[in-house]
């Protein structure tokens, strides 16, 4: 009987991993690289020592380790597919690790449900198809928590060593990993009576981590610009974060629309679908919290796991000139959110209702994924096609005008022609009199723009 249950779970997890891998590799090279991916590739083309030097001397506050990893990965190929495949593999492996986390924190059934939710997550699939550090960031954050839970349960030195190494690697991938370490230490402070036996090993462990991260702390202090007053960031970032975790970025207004328009009216055409999705996930989330009502320690752990990275990122953006709030920076909170959803679904006693909720989550994610794969509105800027069109149709005495600074970097990456390029925004051309005059003088000597 036990063998049969084990075999069923093993088969279920293999199916989930296959589905997760397929969803992450499907149409992997279909979309053009966007500015952040091109910056990653351009940086990774330098030697590892040059990458480290560039990050130390510039105001780039992201650490160097991911760029060095991409540097060596790029030996396999330079195409969008090959370069993005690294994130695909990291994202797929994360699904299995998430199963282990859910199993360790609750049981294997909650672990399997958690893995299922992550495998079809539009948010996680989005970052598993980008040449950016966020798929690796989520993976490392889960490993850190796995080692921490192992420390609580068994208190062996080998788990402390794993915790130290994973945390330090995480720090050198993205400095926001520090928010996860804050949540873990805050959890121990709040529950110190139950875990005071850890202190003799835990305090030296934290000291070692701080010492190993000190070299980059000085870089951070140099790079981060402190604001003299608070940044005007609305509290809507909090519900938007949870909505992005639930439905990704391919439901409602696209990312491009959110960047261009800063008004609540842009949400009105999508209001019914936004409300419907929100109600579904809020209900499951509340059920999950209620199911944890009597398990205070796990409830505190998961609420801190969600809350501290999000609140910390918000506060950093409030007091920093060059660090803004972005959902991807708080991706460490994603596992805790999905764990609560999985616990909520699993807590439903009637099997029919539980299966209905699972199917509802699958249906919601399928709707968003359909937009992600097939709706051009949610696609990244297609610099690749633009450059191919220009190279095919350009004639002598043409000029290229780029009206969005964010498009210049990916355009230069793809463009191999020899036409002159200028970059002026619409404001500089039509509104600002000084730059308008300069732009017209430079452009009027060309036959076509």
Protein backbone atom coordinates (compact mmCIF):
# COMPACT_ATOMS: atom_id res chain seq x y z
CA UNK A 1 0.00 0.00 0.00
CA UNK A 2 2.79 2.42 0.95
CA UNK A 3 4.66 1.47 -2.20
CA UNK A 4 1.57 2.22 -4.28
CA UNK A 5 1.13 5.66 -2.64
CA UNK A 6 4.80 6.42 -3.18
CA UNK A 7 4.62 5.37 -6.82
CA UNK A 8 1.52 7.53 -7.38
CA UNK A 9 3.22 10.56 -5.87
CA UNK A 10 6.38 9.91 -7.85
CA UNK A 11 4.40 9.64 -11.09
CA UNK A 12 2.40 12.78 -10.20
CA UNK A 13 5.60 14.76 -9.61
CA UNK A 14 7.17 13.52 -12.85
CA UNK A 15 4.06 14.69 -14.73
CA UNK A 16 4.20 18.08 -12.99
CA UNK A 17 7.87 18.49 -13.84
CA UNK A 18 7.26 17.58 -17.48
CA UNK A 19 4.37 20.07 -17.70
CA UNK A 20 6.45 22.74 -15.95
CA UNK A 21 9.41 22.19 -18.28
CA UNK A 22 7.19 22.27 -21.38
CA UNK A 23 5.47 25.52 -20.32
CA UNK A 24 8.87 27.13 -19.71
CA UNK A 25 10.55 25.99 -22.93
CA UNK A 26 7.50 26.57 -25.17
CA UNK A 27 8.10 29.51 -27.57
CA UNK A 28 11.29 30.27 -25.64
CA UNK A 29 13.00 32.15 -28.45
CA UNK A 30 9.83 33.56 -29.98
CA UNK A 31 10.01 36.98 -28.36
CA UNK A 32 12.70 39.58 -28.85
CA UNK A 33 15.16 40.36 -26.06
CA UNK A 34 14.20 43.41 -24.03
CA UNK A 35 16.51 46.03 -22.55
CA UNK A 36 17.37 44.27 -19.26
CA UNK A 37 18.14 41.00 -21.04
CA UNK A 38 20.41 42.78 -23.53
CA UNK A 39 22.20 44.57 -20.67
CA UNK A 40 22.73 41.17 -19.03
CA UNK A 41 24.17 39.72 -22.26
CA UNK A 42 26.38 42.75 -22.94
CA UNK A 43 27.72 42.61 -19.40
CA UNK A 44 28.25 38.84 -19.57
CA UNK A 45 30.37 39.23 -22.72
CA UNK A 46 33.13 40.77 -20.59
CA UNK A 47 35.64 38.66 -18.70
CA UNK A 48 34.65 37.68 -15.14
CA UNK A 49 37.21 40.10 -13.63
CA UNK A 50 35.97 42.89 -15.90
CA UNK A 51 32.38 42.17 -14.81
CA UNK A 52 33.36 42.46 -11.15
CA UNK A 53 35.32 45.67 -11.80
CA UNK A 54 32.46 47.20 -13.79
CA UNK A 55 29.99 46.54 -10.98
CA UNK A 56 32.35 47.91 -8.36
CA UNK A 57 33.04 51.15 -10.23
CA UNK A 58 29.57 51.83 -11.64
CA UNK A 59 26.29 52.62 -9.96
CA UNK A 60 24.97 49.14 -10.82
CA UNK A 61 23.93 47.72 -7.48
CA UNK A 62 23.13 44.19 -8.62
CA UNK A 63 26.02 41.87 -7.75
CA UNK A 64 28.18 40.18 -10.38
CA UNK A 65 27.63 36.45 -9.88
CA UNK A 66 24.68 35.98 -12.24
CA UNK A 67 26.47 37.85 -15.05
CA UNK A 68 29.51 35.60 -14.56
CA UNK A 69 27.23 32.55 -14.71
CA UNK A 70 25.71 33.81 -17.99
CA UNK A 71 29.24 34.49 -19.28
CA UNK A 72 30.14 30.80 -19.03
CA UNK A 73 26.67 29.61 -20.10
CA UNK A 74 26.97 31.66 -23.30
CA UNK A 75 29.75 29.32 -24.47
CA UNK A 76 26.89 26.95 -25.39
CA UNK A 77 25.44 29.48 -27.85
CA UNK A 78 24.34 33.08 -28.32
CA UNK A 79 20.75 32.66 -29.52
CA UNK A 80 17.78 33.79 -27.45
CA UNK A 81 16.76 30.16 -26.99
CA UNK A 82 20.12 28.97 -25.66
CA UNK A 83 20.68 31.97 -23.40
CA UNK A 84 17.18 31.76 -21.92
CA UNK A 85 17.47 27.98 -21.46
CA UNK A 86 19.51 28.57 -18.29
CA UNK A 87 16.48 30.16 -16.60
CA UNK A 88 14.23 27.38 -17.95
CA UNK A 89 16.34 24.71 -16.24
CA UNK A 90 16.59 26.70 -13.02
CA UNK A 91 12.83 27.30 -13.02
CA UNK A 92 12.04 23.63 -13.65
CA UNK A 93 14.35 22.46 -10.86
CA UNK A 94 12.67 24.98 -8.55
CA UNK A 95 9.39 23.08 -8.97
CA UNK A 96 10.93 19.95 -7.44
CA UNK A 97 12.57 21.91 -4.62
CA UNK A 98 9.24 23.56 -3.91
CA UNK A 99 7.68 20.13 -3.52
CA UNK A 100 10.35 19.31 -0.93
CA UNK A 101 9.66 22.58 0.88
CA UNK A 102 5.90 21.98 1.05
CA UNK A 103 6.51 18.39 2.16
CA UNK A 104 8.92 19.48 4.89
CA UNK A 105 6.73 22.30 6.16
CA UNK A 106 3.41 20.40 5.93
CA UNK A 107 3.18 17.05 4.14
CA UNK A 108 3.75 15.51 0.71
CA UNK A 109 0.22 16.32 -0.49
CA UNK A 110 0.61 20.04 0.23
CA UNK A 111 4.07 19.80 -1.34
CA UNK A 112 2.61 18.30 -4.52
CA UNK A 113 -0.14 20.94 -4.69
CA UNK A 114 2.45 23.69 -4.17
CA UNK A 115 4.58 22.26 -6.96
CA UNK A 116 1.54 22.10 -9.25
CA UNK A 117 0.68 25.76 -8.61
CA UNK A 118 4.28 26.81 -9.27
CA UNK A 119 4.56 24.68 -12.40
CA UNK A 120 1.67 26.52 -14.09
CA UNK A 121 2.36 29.94 -12.51
CA UNK A 122 2.36 32.67 -15.21
CA UNK A 123 4.58 34.79 -12.94
CA UNK A 124 7.21 32.09 -12.51
CA UNK A 125 7.06 31.06 -16.18
CA UNK A 126 7.62 34.71 -17.19
CA UNK A 127 10.90 34.87 -15.26
CA UNK A 128 11.87 31.33 -16.26
CA UNK A 129 11.98 32.61 -19.85
CA UNK A 130 14.19 35.65 -19.22
CA UNK A 131 17.96 36.07 -19.09
CA UNK A 132 17.65 37.68 -15.68
CA UNK A 133 18.52 36.47 -12.16
CA UNK A 134 14.98 36.09 -10.81
CA UNK A 135 14.42 32.39 -11.57
CA UNK A 136 17.71 31.68 -9.79
CA UNK A 137 16.74 34.07 -7.00
CA UNK A 138 13.53 32.12 -6.30
CA UNK A 139 15.42 28.81 -6.41
CA UNK A 140 18.07 30.00 -3.95
CA UNK A 141 15.46 31.50 -1.63
CA UNK A 142 13.72 28.12 -1.41
CA UNK A 143 17.02 26.32 -0.73
CA UNK A 144 17.81 28.81 2.06
CA UNK A 145 14.43 28.11 3.69
CA UNK A 146 14.90 24.34 3.24
CA UNK A 147 18.22 24.47 5.07
CA UNK A 148 16.70 26.65 7.80
CA UNK A 149 13.83 24.21 8.38
CA UNK A 150 16.35 21.35 8.48
CA UNK A 151 18.31 23.29 11.12
CA UNK A 152 15.17 23.68 13.24
CA UNK A 153 14.33 20.00 12.96
CA UNK A 154 17.81 18.45 13.33
CA UNK A 155 20.32 21.21 14.21
CA UNK A 156 23.23 19.53 12.37
CA UNK A 157 26.33 21.48 11.34
CA UNK A 158 26.00 20.29 7.74
CA UNK A 159 22.70 22.19 7.42
CA UNK A 160 24.30 25.33 8.85
CA UNK A 161 27.04 25.01 6.25
CA UNK A 162 24.44 24.64 3.48
CA UNK A 163 22.53 27.63 4.85
CA UNK A 164 25.67 29.80 4.91
CA UNK A 165 26.82 28.85 1.40
CA UNK A 166 23.37 29.27 -0.18
CA UNK A 167 22.76 32.58 1.56
CA UNK A 168 26.11 34.02 0.50
CA UNK A 169 25.60 32.86 -3.11
CA UNK A 170 22.13 34.46 -2.97
CA UNK A 171 23.63 37.74 -1.75
CA UNK A 172 26.00 37.80 -4.72
CA UNK A 173 23.10 37.11 -7.11
CA UNK A 174 20.79 39.88 -5.83
CA UNK A 175 21.14 42.05 -2.74
CA UNK A 176 17.39 41.78 -1.92
CA UNK A 177 18.05 38.25 -0.62
CA UNK A 178 18.97 40.08 2.59
CA UNK A 179 15.23 40.62 3.15
CA UNK A 180 14.73 36.86 3.37
CA UNK A 181 17.48 36.59 5.98
CA UNK A 182 15.79 39.37 7.95
CA UNK A 183 12.50 37.45 7.91
CA UNK A 184 14.22 34.25 9.12
CA UNK A 185 15.98 36.03 11.98
CA UNK A 186 12.82 37.91 12.93
CA UNK A 187 10.97 34.59 13.05
CA UNK A 188 13.58 33.20 15.46
CA UNK A 189 13.29 36.31 17.63
CA UNK A 190 9.49 36.01 17.81
CA UNK A 191 9.67 32.28 18.60
CA UNK A 192 12.92 32.28 20.60
CA UNK A 193 11.51 30.22 23.48
CA UNK A 194 10.92 27.26 21.15
CA UNK A 195 14.28 27.68 19.36
CA UNK A 196 16.75 28.97 21.96
CA UNK A 197 18.70 25.70 21.62
CA UNK A 198 19.87 27.03 18.22
CA UNK A 199 21.66 30.12 19.55
CA UNK A 200 25.15 28.62 20.09
CA UNK A 201 25.37 27.69 16.40
CA UNK A 202 23.06 30.30 14.90
CA UNK A 203 24.89 33.44 16.04
CA UNK A 204 28.31 32.36 14.63
CA UNK A 205 26.47 31.35 11.45
CA UNK A 206 25.10 34.88 11.00
CA UNK A 207 28.49 36.45 11.77
CA UNK A 208 30.15 34.33 9.06
CA UNK A 209 27.48 35.38 6.54
CA UNK A 210 27.98 39.06 7.35
CA UNK A 211 31.76 38.77 7.01
CA UNK A 212 31.49 36.98 3.66
CA UNK A 213 29.12 39.64 2.34
CA UNK A 214 31.05 42.67 3.65
CA UNK A 215 32.98 43.25 0.37
CA UNK A 216 29.73 43.95 -1.46
CA UNK A 217 28.22 45.98 1.39
CA UNK A 218 30.73 48.74 0.69
CA UNK A 219 29.77 48.69 -2.99
CA UNK A 220 26.11 49.00 -2.02
CA UNK A 221 26.77 51.93 0.30
CA UNK A 222 28.54 53.69 -2.56
CA UNK A 223 25.89 52.90 -5.19
CA UNK A 224 22.59 53.45 -3.36
CA UNK A 225 21.50 57.08 -3.30
CA UNK A 226 19.48 58.05 -0.23
CA UNK A 227 16.52 60.34 -0.83
CA UNK A 228 16.14 63.49 1.30
CA UNK A 229 12.38 62.87 1.37
CA UNK A 230 10.01 59.96 0.81
CA UNK A 231 9.23 58.81 -2.73
CA UNK A 232 5.58 59.14 -3.73
CA UNK A 233 4.72 55.46 -4.26
CA UNK A 234 1.08 54.48 -3.89
CA UNK A 235 -0.07 51.64 -1.69
CA UNK A 236 -1.54 49.99 -4.79
CA UNK A 237 1.82 48.22 -5.19
CA UNK A 238 0.75 45.78 -2.45
CA UNK A 239 -2.43 44.41 -4.08
CA UNK A 240 -0.73 44.58 -7.49
CA UNK A 241 2.10 42.39 -6.16
CA UNK A 242 -0.31 39.67 -5.08
CA UNK A 243 -2.25 39.94 -8.32
CA UNK A 244 1.00 39.51 -10.29
CA UNK A 245 1.87 36.48 -8.15
CA UNK A 246 -1.56 35.03 -8.95
CA UNK A 247 -1.99 35.87 -12.64
CA UNK A 248 1.38 37.08 -13.90
CA UNK A 249 1.68 40.08 -16.22
CA UNK A 250 -0.54 38.88 -19.05
CA UNK A 251 -3.93 39.73 -17.60
CA UNK A 252 -5.45 43.19 -17.47
CA UNK A 253 -3.29 46.15 -18.58
CA UNK A 254 0.02 45.12 -20.12
CA UNK A 255 3.33 46.21 -18.60
CA UNK A 256 3.74 48.69 -21.46
CA UNK A 257 0.36 50.26 -20.64
CA UNK A 258 1.23 50.49 -16.95
CA UNK A 259 4.46 52.32 -17.82
CA UNK A 260 2.83 54.75 -20.24
CA UNK A 261 -0.41 55.56 -18.41
CA UNK A 262 -0.58 56.36 -14.73
CA UNK A 263 -4.30 56.27 -14.15
CA UNK A 264 -6.79 53.94 -12.54
CA UNK A 265 -9.01 54.32 -15.62
CA UNK A 266 -6.77 51.96 -17.61
CA UNK A 267 -8.07 49.12 -15.39
CA UNK A 268 -11.74 49.75 -16.19
CA UNK A 269 -11.90 47.73 -19.46
CA UNK A 270 -10.55 44.70 -17.59
CA UNK A 271 -12.47 45.25 -14.37
CA UNK A 272 -14.64 42.14 -14.53
CA UNK A 273 -11.76 39.73 -15.12
CA UNK A 274 -9.56 41.44 -12.54
CA UNK A 275 -12.29 41.29 -9.90
CA UNK A 276 -13.11 37.65 -10.72
CA UNK A 277 -9.48 36.52 -10.47
CA UNK A 278 -8.94 38.55 -7.30
CA UNK A 279 -11.99 37.03 -5.59
CA UNK A 280 -10.91 33.47 -6.45
CA UNK A 281 -7.36 33.82 -5.13
CA UNK A 282 -8.34 35.91 -2.10
CA UNK A 283 -10.87 33.25 -1.04
CA UNK A 284 -8.29 30.44 -1.39
CA UNK A 285 -5.71 32.54 0.46
CA UNK A 286 -8.11 33.25 3.34
CA UNK A 287 -9.01 29.55 3.56
CA UNK A 288 -5.29 28.80 3.79
CA UNK A 289 -4.81 31.32 6.60
CA UNK A 290 -7.82 29.94 8.49
CA UNK A 291 -6.48 26.40 8.13
CA UNK A 292 -3.28 27.60 9.82
CA UNK A 293 -5.19 29.26 12.64
CA UNK A 294 -4.22 26.73 15.30
CA UNK A 295 -0.68 26.30 14.01
CA UNK A 296 0.68 29.64 15.21
CA UNK A 297 4.33 28.92 14.48
CA UNK A 298 3.79 28.02 10.82
CA UNK A 299 1.35 30.93 10.43
CA UNK A 300 3.92 33.42 11.78
CA UNK A 301 6.61 31.85 9.60
CA UNK A 302 4.60 32.13 6.37
CA UNK A 303 3.30 35.64 7.08
CA UNK A 304 6.83 36.86 7.71
CA UNK A 305 8.00 34.94 4.63
CA UNK A 306 5.50 36.91 2.54
CA UNK A 307 5.48 40.22 4.34
CA UNK A 308 9.08 41.11 5.15
CA UNK A 309 10.48 41.02 1.57
CA UNK A 310 7.51 43.02 0.24
CA UNK A 311 7.54 45.59 3.05
CA UNK A 312 11.34 45.80 2.99
CA UNK A 313 11.44 46.41 -0.77
CA UNK A 314 8.75 49.06 -0.40
CA UNK A 315 10.71 50.88 2.33
CA UNK A 316 13.97 50.70 0.36
CA UNK A 317 12.24 52.24 -2.66
CA UNK A 318 10.82 54.99 -0.45
CA UNK A 319 14.23 56.08 0.78
CA UNK A 320 16.33 55.45 -2.34
CA UNK A 321 16.77 57.59 -5.45
CA UNK A 322 17.93 54.81 -7.75
CA UNK A 323 16.06 51.74 -6.43
CA UNK A 324 12.35 51.59 -7.22
CA UNK A 325 9.76 49.05 -6.12
CA UNK A 326 9.26 46.22 -8.58
CA UNK A 327 7.36 42.97 -8.14
CA UNK A 328 10.31 40.96 -9.41
CA UNK A 329 12.46 42.22 -6.53
CA UNK A 330 10.14 40.52 -4.03
CA UNK A 331 9.93 37.19 -5.86
CA UNK A 332 11.29 35.53 -2.67
CA UNK A 333 7.78 35.96 -1.23
CA UNK A 334 6.21 33.92 -4.04
CA UNK A 335 6.80 30.46 -2.44
CA UNK A 336 5.11 31.49 0.82
CA UNK A 337 2.07 32.78 -1.06
CA UNK A 338 1.73 29.56 -3.04
CA UNK A 339 2.23 27.45 0.10
CA UNK A 340 -0.73 29.19 1.74
CA UNK A 341 -2.83 28.68 -1.39
CA UNK A 342 -1.89 24.98 -1.47
CA UNK A 343 -2.64 24.61 2.23
CA UNK A 344 -6.01 26.27 1.71
CA UNK A 345 -6.93 23.91 -1.13
CA UNK A 346 -5.73 20.85 0.78
CA UNK A 347 -7.70 21.84 3.88
CA UNK A 348 -11.00 21.43 1.99
CA UNK A 349 -12.47 18.22 3.40
CA UNK A 350 -14.76 17.34 0.53
CA UNK A 351 -12.72 15.89 -2.28
CA UNK A 352 -15.07 17.23 -4.96
CA UNK A 353 -14.72 20.81 -3.72
CA UNK A 354 -10.95 20.43 -3.45
CA UNK A 355 -10.66 19.16 -7.03
CA UNK A 356 -12.94 22.00 -8.19
CA UNK A 357 -10.62 24.58 -6.61
CA UNK A 358 -7.58 22.97 -8.24
CA UNK A 359 -9.30 23.04 -11.63
CA UNK A 360 -10.29 26.67 -11.04
CA UNK A 361 -6.67 27.67 -10.38
CA UNK A 362 -5.57 25.76 -13.48
CA UNK A 363 -8.27 27.50 -15.55
CA UNK A 364 -7.26 30.95 -14.27
CA UNK A 365 -3.59 30.35 -15.03
CA UNK A 366 -4.45 28.90 -18.44
CA UNK A 367 -6.31 32.09 -19.33
CA UNK A 368 -3.29 34.21 -18.44
CA UNK A 369 -0.83 31.86 -20.15
CA UNK A 370 -2.87 31.93 -23.34
CA UNK A 371 -2.42 35.72 -23.40
CA UNK A 372 1.27 35.35 -22.61
CA UNK A 373 1.97 32.95 -25.46
CA UNK A 374 -0.43 34.20 -28.14
CA UNK A 375 -1.56 37.79 -27.46
CA UNK A 376 0.94 40.28 -28.92
CA UNK A 377 -0.33 42.96 -26.59
CA UNK A 378 1.52 41.29 -23.72
CA UNK A 379 4.69 40.55 -25.69
CA UNK A 380 8.00 42.32 -25.17
CA UNK A 381 9.00 45.10 -27.59
CA UNK A 382 9.90 43.40 -30.86
CA UNK A 383 13.24 45.07 -31.60
CA UNK A 384 14.35 42.01 -33.57
CA UNK A 385 11.61 42.33 -36.21
CA UNK A 386 12.02 46.12 -36.40
CA UNK A 387 15.73 45.86 -37.15
CA UNK A 388 15.16 43.14 -39.76
CA UNK A 389 12.53 45.30 -41.48
CA UNK A 390 14.85 48.33 -41.53
CA UNK A 391 17.80 46.30 -42.82
CA UNK A 392 15.61 44.87 -45.61
CA UNK A 393 13.96 48.12 -46.72
CA UNK A 394 16.54 50.82 -45.98
CA UNK A 395 18.05 52.88 -48.80
CA UNK A 396 20.88 55.37 -48.85
CA UNK A 397 20.37 58.66 -47.02
CA UNK A 398 17.84 57.14 -44.60
CA UNK A 399 18.09 57.83 -40.89
CA UNK A 400 16.82 55.94 -37.84
CA UNK A 401 14.95 57.86 -35.14
CA UNK A 402 14.38 56.08 -31.83
CA UNK A 403 11.85 57.87 -29.64
CA UNK A 404 12.14 55.65 -26.56
CA UNK A 405 15.48 55.44 -24.71
CA UNK A 406 14.63 51.93 -23.51
CA UNK A 407 14.54 50.71 -27.13
CA UNK A 408 18.02 51.96 -28.03
CA UNK A 409 19.91 49.17 -26.22
CA UNK A 410 18.00 46.19 -27.72
CA UNK A 411 17.91 47.94 -31.13
CA UNK A 412 21.70 48.29 -31.13
CA UNK A 413 22.01 44.64 -30.12
CA UNK A 414 20.06 43.41 -33.15
CA UNK A 415 20.91 46.06 -35.76
CA UNK A 416 23.85 45.28 -38.01
CA UNK A 417 23.25 48.00 -40.63
CA UNK A 418 25.17 51.24 -41.13
CA UNK A 419 22.43 53.89 -41.03
CA UNK A 420 22.87 56.87 -38.73
CA UNK A 421 20.83 56.63 -35.51
CA UNK A 422 19.39 59.41 -33.36
CA UNK A 423 17.51 59.17 -30.11
CA UNK A 424 14.96 61.86 -29.28
CA UNK A 425 11.83 61.47 -27.19
CA UNK A 426 8.49 62.81 -28.39
CA UNK A 427 8.78 65.54 -25.76
CA UNK A 428 12.19 66.59 -27.09
CA UNK A 429 10.89 66.75 -30.66
CA UNK A 430 7.49 68.40 -30.23
CA UNK A 431 7.47 70.25 -26.89
CA UNK A 432 10.96 71.31 -25.78
CA UNK A 433 11.91 74.18 -28.09
CA UNK A 434 15.68 73.80 -27.71
CA UNK A 435 15.87 70.07 -28.40
CA UNK A 436 13.12 70.36 -31.04
CA UNK A 437 15.22 72.77 -33.06
CA UNK A 438 18.31 70.57 -32.69
CA UNK A 439 16.39 67.45 -33.71
CA UNK A 440 14.94 69.09 -36.82
CA UNK A 441 18.36 70.38 -37.87
CA UNK A 442 19.89 66.93 -37.59
CA UNK A 443 17.01 65.05 -39.24
CA UNK A 444 16.08 67.36 -42.13
CA UNK A 445 19.18 66.49 -44.16
CA UNK A 446 18.00 62.91 -44.57
CA UNK A 447 15.58 61.65 -47.22
CA UNK A 448 13.53 59.33 -44.99
CA UNK A 449 13.14 58.77 -41.27
